[in-house]
Amino acid sequence: MDFRAKLILLLSSSIVAGLSGGCGGDRLATQFQVSTPSPPALSPSPTGKPSPAPTTVPPTTQPDPYVRAIDRASSAFTIGQAAQSSDDWRLVAGRWQQAIDWLVTVPSSSANYGNAQTKLSEYRRNLAYAQQQADRPTAAPAPSVVAVVPQIALPEPIAAVQSTNARLGQTAAPETFSAPIVRRVGGTPVINVTFNGGQTYEMIVDTGASGTLITQQMAITLGVVPVAQASVDTASARSVFFPLGYVRSVQVDRIVAENVLVAIAGSELDIGLLGQDFFGNYDLSIRQNQVEFQPR
């Protein structure tokens, strides 16, 4: 018998001896014991046959009311950006109302409860604005349209000259509005701009900006409530996100724009930018000491 056969025979004999012996068998059983789970017991049915095991139904996940409110608010803002007719604004108002209804159901135990209470007042203001737009006459101008404050009555000599021009069939030149340049930043003029009829701030007249940008401090003072955010490409970066909110009015000289959607800059900006959403209907002339706005 060769060595391999002897080794196999020796191992087989040892295992058989271990299984048949007292202490050795216990040790071997302990070392190789495998736990097998017992099958679940079946309860007897009235017919005497085992009843099938109960079926486990997964719990139903309830929607997060705060998330649903944000979704409705985002929809309201998106629709409001293109709303024109009364029906459009009624749809916007309905979405804001749905967002409010979801917010009031956020429980006090939720981590978003504080945010929900803050947004309730914001959404209610947005709802009131949408309802106001829905009730406006169809012929009324859309929000954010630049208007001119009615001019004070002119002195008699000037009025007489204008009357004479009218009698001669001459067309009076459109009025030019202006704002003094208080300083320059990198060669770009800075003028004073009045917000909400009372707060005046220095703003850079940025002919390359499509929208108006205010600072964080201006937003706090003016009570601007963010309603959405937008991705903006700047001169130094792409896809920069800015919060968006409304100001009641923006005024330079007697030019007034109402319900203007403005972007709120980050903490690195300490002066705002006046963009084309305000002066887009005007030709700008930058003089040595003032900026002139000529109606087109």
Protein backbone atom coordinates (compact mmCIF):
# COMPACT_ATOMS: atom_id res chain seq x y z
CA MET A 1 0.00 0.00 0.00
CA ASP A 2 1.45 3.35 -0.98
CA PHE A 3 1.84 6.35 1.29
CA ARG A 4 -1.26 8.26 -0.01
CA ALA A 5 -3.55 5.25 0.56
CA LYS A 6 -2.18 4.81 4.07
CA LEU A 7 -2.83 8.48 4.86
CA ILE A 8 -6.43 8.31 3.63
CA LEU A 9 -7.04 5.14 5.66
CA LEU A 10 -5.55 6.76 8.76
CA LEU A 11 -7.73 9.85 8.47
CA SER A 12 -10.87 7.76 7.88
CA SER A 13 -10.13 5.69 10.97
CA SER A 14 -9.63 8.79 13.11
CA ILE A 15 -12.96 10.31 12.00
CA VAL A 16 -14.85 7.06 12.65
CA ALA A 17 -13.23 6.78 16.09
CA GLY A 18 -14.10 10.34 16.91
CA LEU A 19 -17.74 9.89 15.93
CA SER A 20 -18.06 6.69 17.98
CA GLY A 21 -16.20 7.93 21.09
CA GLY A 22 -17.75 9.87 23.96
CA CYS A 23 -15.63 13.01 24.51
CA GLY A 24 -14.13 13.00 21.06
CA GLY A 25 -17.57 12.79 19.49
CA ASP A 26 -18.80 15.75 21.51
CA ARG A 27 -15.86 17.87 20.45
CA LEU A 28 -16.25 16.95 16.82
CA ALA A 29 -19.94 17.62 16.89
CA THR A 30 -19.32 20.99 18.50
CA GLN A 31 -16.75 21.97 15.91
CA PHE A 32 -18.87 21.08 12.86
CA GLN A 33 -22.36 21.83 14.15
CA VAL A 34 -24.51 23.87 11.68
CA SER A 35 -27.58 25.67 12.90
CA THR A 36 -30.61 25.04 10.70
CA PRO A 37 -33.62 27.34 11.22
CA SER A 38 -36.85 25.59 12.08
CA PRO A 39 -39.71 26.12 9.64
CA PRO A 40 -42.51 28.37 10.93
CA ALA A 41 -45.31 26.55 12.64
CA LEU A 42 -48.61 26.58 10.78
CA SER A 43 -51.77 27.15 12.76
CA PRO A 44 -54.46 24.56 12.18
CA SER A 45 -57.47 25.78 10.26
CA PRO A 46 -61.08 24.82 11.05
CA THR A 47 -60.84 22.17 8.29
CA GLY A 48 -57.85 20.62 9.97
CA LYS A 49 -55.46 21.71 7.27
CA PRO A 50 -52.54 24.03 8.02
CA SER A 51 -53.32 27.69 7.34
CA PRO A 52 -51.01 29.52 4.92
CA ALA A 53 -48.44 31.90 6.41
CA PRO A 54 -49.70 35.51 6.71
CA THR A 55 -48.68 37.90 3.92
CA THR A 56 -46.64 40.92 5.08
CA VAL A 57 -47.88 44.23 3.55
CA PRO A 58 -45.15 46.90 3.30
CA PRO A 59 -46.06 50.18 5.03
CA THR A 60 -47.34 52.97 2.80
CA THR A 61 -44.96 55.95 2.58
CA GLN A 62 -46.75 59.24 3.24
CA PRO A 63 -45.76 62.25 1.08
CA ASP A 64 -43.66 64.90 2.78
CA PRO A 65 -45.92 68.00 2.91
CA TYR A 66 -42.96 70.38 2.88
CA VAL A 67 -41.53 68.81 -0.30
CA ARG A 68 -44.98 68.91 -1.92
CA ALA A 69 -45.32 72.59 -0.98
CA ILE A 70 -41.96 73.47 -2.54
CA ASP A 71 -42.96 71.58 -5.70
CA ARG A 72 -46.22 73.54 -6.00
CA ALA A 73 -44.42 76.83 -5.31
CA SER A 74 -41.84 76.13 -8.02
CA SER A 75 -44.64 75.40 -10.48
CA ALA A 76 -46.41 78.65 -9.52
CA PHE A 77 -43.25 80.67 -10.04
CA THR A 78 -42.51 79.07 -13.43
CA ILE A 79 -46.02 79.70 -14.74
CA GLY A 80 -46.00 83.23 -13.33
CA GLN A 81 -42.92 84.11 -15.38
CA ALA A 82 -44.96 83.78 -18.59
CA ALA A 83 -48.44 84.60 -17.26
CA GLN A 84 -50.35 87.24 -19.26
CA SER A 85 -54.08 86.59 -19.18
CA SER A 86 -56.40 86.48 -16.18
CA ASP A 87 -56.71 82.72 -16.62
CA ASP A 88 -52.93 82.39 -16.45
CA TRP A 89 -52.81 84.31 -13.19
CA ARG A 90 -55.72 82.33 -11.75
CA LEU A 91 -53.72 79.17 -12.43
CA VAL A 92 -50.71 80.74 -10.68
CA ALA A 93 -52.89 81.69 -7.71
CA GLY A 94 -54.19 78.12 -7.53
CA ARG A 95 -50.67 76.72 -7.35
CA TRP A 96 -49.70 79.17 -4.59
CA GLN A 97 -52.84 78.16 -2.66
CA GLN A 98 -51.92 74.48 -3.01
CA ALA A 99 -48.43 75.24 -1.71
CA ILE A 100 -49.94 77.05 1.29
CA ASP A 101 -52.32 74.16 1.98
CA TRP A 102 -49.39 71.75 2.11
CA LEU A 103 -47.30 74.04 4.35
CA VAL A 104 -49.99 74.29 7.03
CA THR A 105 -49.92 70.48 7.37
CA VAL A 106 -46.19 70.34 8.21
CA PRO A 107 -46.09 69.00 11.78
CA SER A 108 -44.23 70.82 14.52
CA SER A 109 -42.01 67.76 14.94
CA SER A 110 -40.68 68.13 11.39
CA ALA A 111 -37.16 69.47 10.83
CA ASN A 112 -38.68 71.80 8.21
CA TYR A 113 -41.34 73.25 10.50
CA GLY A 114 -39.49 76.56 11.00
CA ASN A 115 -38.89 76.94 7.26
CA ALA A 116 -42.54 76.15 6.61
CA GLN A 117 -43.70 78.93 8.93
CA THR A 118 -41.38 81.43 7.22
CA LYS A 119 -42.50 80.43 3.75
CA LEU A 120 -46.17 80.64 4.72
CA SER A 121 -46.00 84.43 4.89
CA GLU A 122 -44.00 84.55 1.62
CA TYR A 123 -46.44 82.34 -0.25
CA ARG A 124 -49.44 84.26 1.03
CA ARG A 125 -47.96 87.48 -0.34
CA ASN A 126 -47.34 85.77 -3.67
CA LEU A 127 -50.92 84.45 -3.67
CA ALA A 128 -52.29 87.94 -3.04
CA TYR A 129 -50.18 89.32 -5.89
CA ALA A 130 -51.35 86.59 -8.30
CA GLN A 131 -54.98 87.19 -7.35
CA GLN A 132 -54.50 90.91 -7.90
CA GLN A 133 -53.12 90.26 -11.39
CA ALA A 134 -55.99 87.88 -12.16
CA ASP A 135 -58.53 90.58 -11.28
CA ARG A 136 -56.88 93.30 -13.40
CA PRO A 137 -58.63 94.42 -16.58
CA THR A 138 -57.37 92.72 -19.72
CA ALA A 139 -56.11 95.99 -21.18
CA ALA A 140 -54.00 96.77 -18.12
CA PRO A 141 -50.24 96.64 -18.66
CA ALA A 142 -48.38 93.58 -17.48
CA PRO A 143 -46.18 93.86 -14.37
CA SER A 144 -42.59 95.08 -14.65
CA VAL A 145 -43.47 97.43 -17.49
CA VAL A 146 -41.48 100.64 -17.24
CA ALA A 147 -43.73 103.67 -16.87
CA VAL A 148 -43.09 107.40 -16.57
CA VAL A 149 -44.37 109.40 -13.62
CA PRO A 150 -46.81 112.11 -14.74
CA GLN A 151 -44.97 115.36 -15.30
CA ILE A 152 -45.65 118.44 -13.19
CA ALA A 153 -47.45 121.25 -15.03
CA LEU A 154 -45.00 123.33 -17.01
CA PRO A 155 -44.63 127.11 -16.59
CA GLU A 156 -46.71 129.20 -18.94
CA PRO A 157 -43.91 130.47 -21.25
CA ILE A 158 -42.72 126.92 -22.03
CA ALA A 159 -46.28 125.69 -22.50
CA ALA A 160 -46.89 128.56 -24.91
CA VAL A 161 -43.83 127.59 -26.97
CA GLN A 162 -45.02 123.99 -27.13
CA SER A 163 -48.47 125.12 -28.16
CA THR A 164 -46.92 127.22 -30.91
CA ASN A 165 -44.94 124.25 -32.15
CA ALA A 166 -48.09 122.15 -32.17
CA ARG A 167 -49.95 124.81 -34.18
CA LEU A 168 -47.13 124.85 -36.70
CA GLY A 169 -47.33 121.05 -37.04
CA GLN A 170 -43.99 120.47 -35.35
CA THR A 171 -43.50 117.38 -33.18
CA ALA A 172 -42.04 118.06 -29.75
CA ALA A 173 -38.87 116.05 -28.98
CA PRO A 174 -39.40 113.26 -26.41
CA GLU A 175 -38.37 114.20 -22.90
CA THR A 176 -34.95 113.07 -21.72
CA PHE A 177 -34.51 111.82 -18.17
CA SER A 178 -31.19 111.98 -16.38
CA ALA A 179 -29.36 111.00 -13.22
CA PRO A 180 -26.13 112.55 -11.88
CA ILE A 181 -23.06 110.32 -11.83
CA VAL A 182 -21.98 110.14 -8.18
CA ARG A 183 -18.77 108.23 -8.92
CA ARG A 184 -17.32 105.59 -11.24
CA VAL A 185 -16.27 101.99 -10.62
CA GLY A 186 -13.68 100.82 -13.11
CA GLY A 187 -14.81 103.60 -15.43
CA THR A 188 -18.48 102.53 -15.24
CA PRO A 189 -20.91 105.19 -13.94
CA VAL A 190 -22.66 104.86 -10.60
CA ILE A 191 -26.00 106.64 -10.01
CA ASN A 192 -28.52 106.84 -7.19
CA VAL A 193 -31.56 104.57 -7.64
CA THR A 194 -34.68 104.66 -5.43
CA PHE A 195 -36.38 101.41 -4.42
CA ASN A 196 -39.93 100.99 -3.09
CA GLY A 197 -40.47 104.74 -3.17
CA GLY A 198 -38.13 105.55 -0.29
CA GLN A 199 -34.80 103.69 -0.08
CA THR A 200 -32.00 105.10 -2.27
CA TYR A 201 -28.88 103.13 -3.14
CA GLU A 202 -25.88 103.60 -5.38
CA MET A 203 -26.11 101.30 -8.42
CA ILE A 204 -23.72 100.62 -11.29
CA VAL A 205 -25.34 101.30 -14.67
CA ASP A 206 -24.45 98.00 -16.32
CA THR A 207 -25.36 98.11 -20.02
CA GLY A 208 -24.21 94.48 -20.37
CA ALA A 209 -26.54 93.10 -17.69
CA SER A 210 -29.96 91.82 -18.75
CA GLY A 211 -31.36 91.98 -15.22
CA THR A 212 -31.02 94.04 -12.05
CA LEU A 213 -28.85 92.66 -9.23
CA ILE A 214 -29.07 93.88 -5.62
CA THR A 215 -26.84 93.16 -2.64
CA GLN A 216 -27.75 90.96 0.30
CA GLN A 217 -27.94 93.99 2.60
CA MET A 218 -30.31 95.73 0.18
CA ALA A 219 -32.50 92.62 0.10
CA ILE A 220 -32.69 92.56 3.91
CA THR A 221 -33.50 96.27 4.19
CA LEU A 222 -36.08 96.17 1.39
CA GLY A 223 -37.66 92.98 2.71
CA VAL A 224 -37.14 91.09 -0.55
CA VAL A 225 -38.42 87.52 -0.20
CA PRO A 226 -36.74 84.93 -2.44
CA VAL A 227 -39.32 83.07 -4.52
CA ALA A 228 -36.99 81.08 -6.79
CA GLN A 229 -33.44 80.93 -8.08
CA ALA A 230 -31.83 81.31 -11.47
CA SER A 231 -28.62 80.10 -13.09
CA VAL A 232 -26.63 83.06 -14.45
CA ASP A 233 -23.45 83.24 -16.50
CA THR A 234 -21.17 86.03 -15.27
CA ALA A 235 -17.96 87.43 -16.67
CA SER A 236 -15.90 85.23 -14.34
CA ALA A 237 -18.03 82.10 -13.91
CA ARG A 238 -20.78 80.04 -15.50
CA SER A 239 -23.98 78.65 -14.00
CA VAL A 240 -23.88 80.77 -10.85
CA PHE A 241 -27.13 80.45 -8.87
CA PHE A 242 -28.79 83.60 -7.49
CA PRO A 243 -32.00 83.83 -5.43
CA LEU A 244 -34.79 85.83 -7.11
CA GLY A 245 -37.35 88.11 -5.48
CA TYR A 246 -39.63 91.05 -6.23
CA VAL A 247 -39.24 94.73 -5.33
CA ARG A 248 -42.29 96.98 -5.49
CA SER A 249 -40.64 99.69 -7.57
CA VAL A 250 -37.34 100.93 -9.05
CA GLN A 251 -37.03 104.64 -9.90
CA VAL A 252 -34.51 106.92 -11.62
CA ASP A 253 -35.59 110.54 -12.16
CA ARG A 254 -39.28 110.14 -13.15
CA ILE A 255 -38.86 106.68 -14.72
CA VAL A 256 -40.49 104.03 -12.54
CA ALA A 257 -40.62 100.26 -13.02
CA GLU A 258 -43.06 98.36 -10.80
CA ASN A 259 -43.00 94.77 -9.50
CA VAL A 260 -39.46 94.16 -10.75
CA LEU A 261 -37.94 90.69 -10.38
CA VAL A 262 -34.37 91.16 -9.14
CA ALA A 263 -31.51 88.79 -8.37
CA ILE A 264 -29.81 88.81 -4.96
CA ALA A 265 -26.00 88.68 -5.10
CA GLY A 266 -23.66 86.86 -2.78
CA SER A 267 -21.81 88.43 0.13
CA GLU A 268 -18.85 89.36 -2.10
CA LEU A 269 -20.84 92.14 -3.87
CA ASP A 270 -21.22 95.45 -2.01
CA ILE A 271 -22.94 97.47 -4.75
CA GLY A 272 -25.87 96.62 -7.01
CA LEU A 273 -26.16 96.57 -10.80
CA LEU A 274 -28.96 98.34 -12.70
CA GLY A 275 -29.74 96.18 -15.73
CA GLN A 276 -31.66 96.35 -19.00
CA ASP A 277 -34.88 95.13 -17.44
CA PHE A 278 -35.15 98.72 -16.17
CA PHE A 279 -33.78 100.83 -19.04
CA GLY A 280 -34.33 98.46 -21.97
CA ASN A 281 -36.84 100.83 -23.61
CA TYR A 282 -34.42 103.77 -23.46
CA ASP A 283 -31.29 104.87 -25.29
CA LEU A 284 -28.55 105.64 -22.80
CA SER A 285 -26.09 108.50 -23.19
CA ILE A 286 -23.28 108.57 -20.64
CA ARG A 287 -22.08 112.15 -20.27
CA GLN A 288 -19.25 113.46 -18.17
CA ASN A 289 -21.41 114.14 -15.13
CA GLN A 290 -24.71 112.37 -15.79
CA VAL A 291 -26.47 109.46 -17.47
CA GLU A 292 -29.32 110.38 -19.82
CA PHE A 293 -32.27 108.14 -20.68
CA GLN A 294 -33.92 108.93 -24.03
CA PRO A 295 -37.24 107.15 -24.74
CA ARG A 296 -37.18 105.19 -28.00
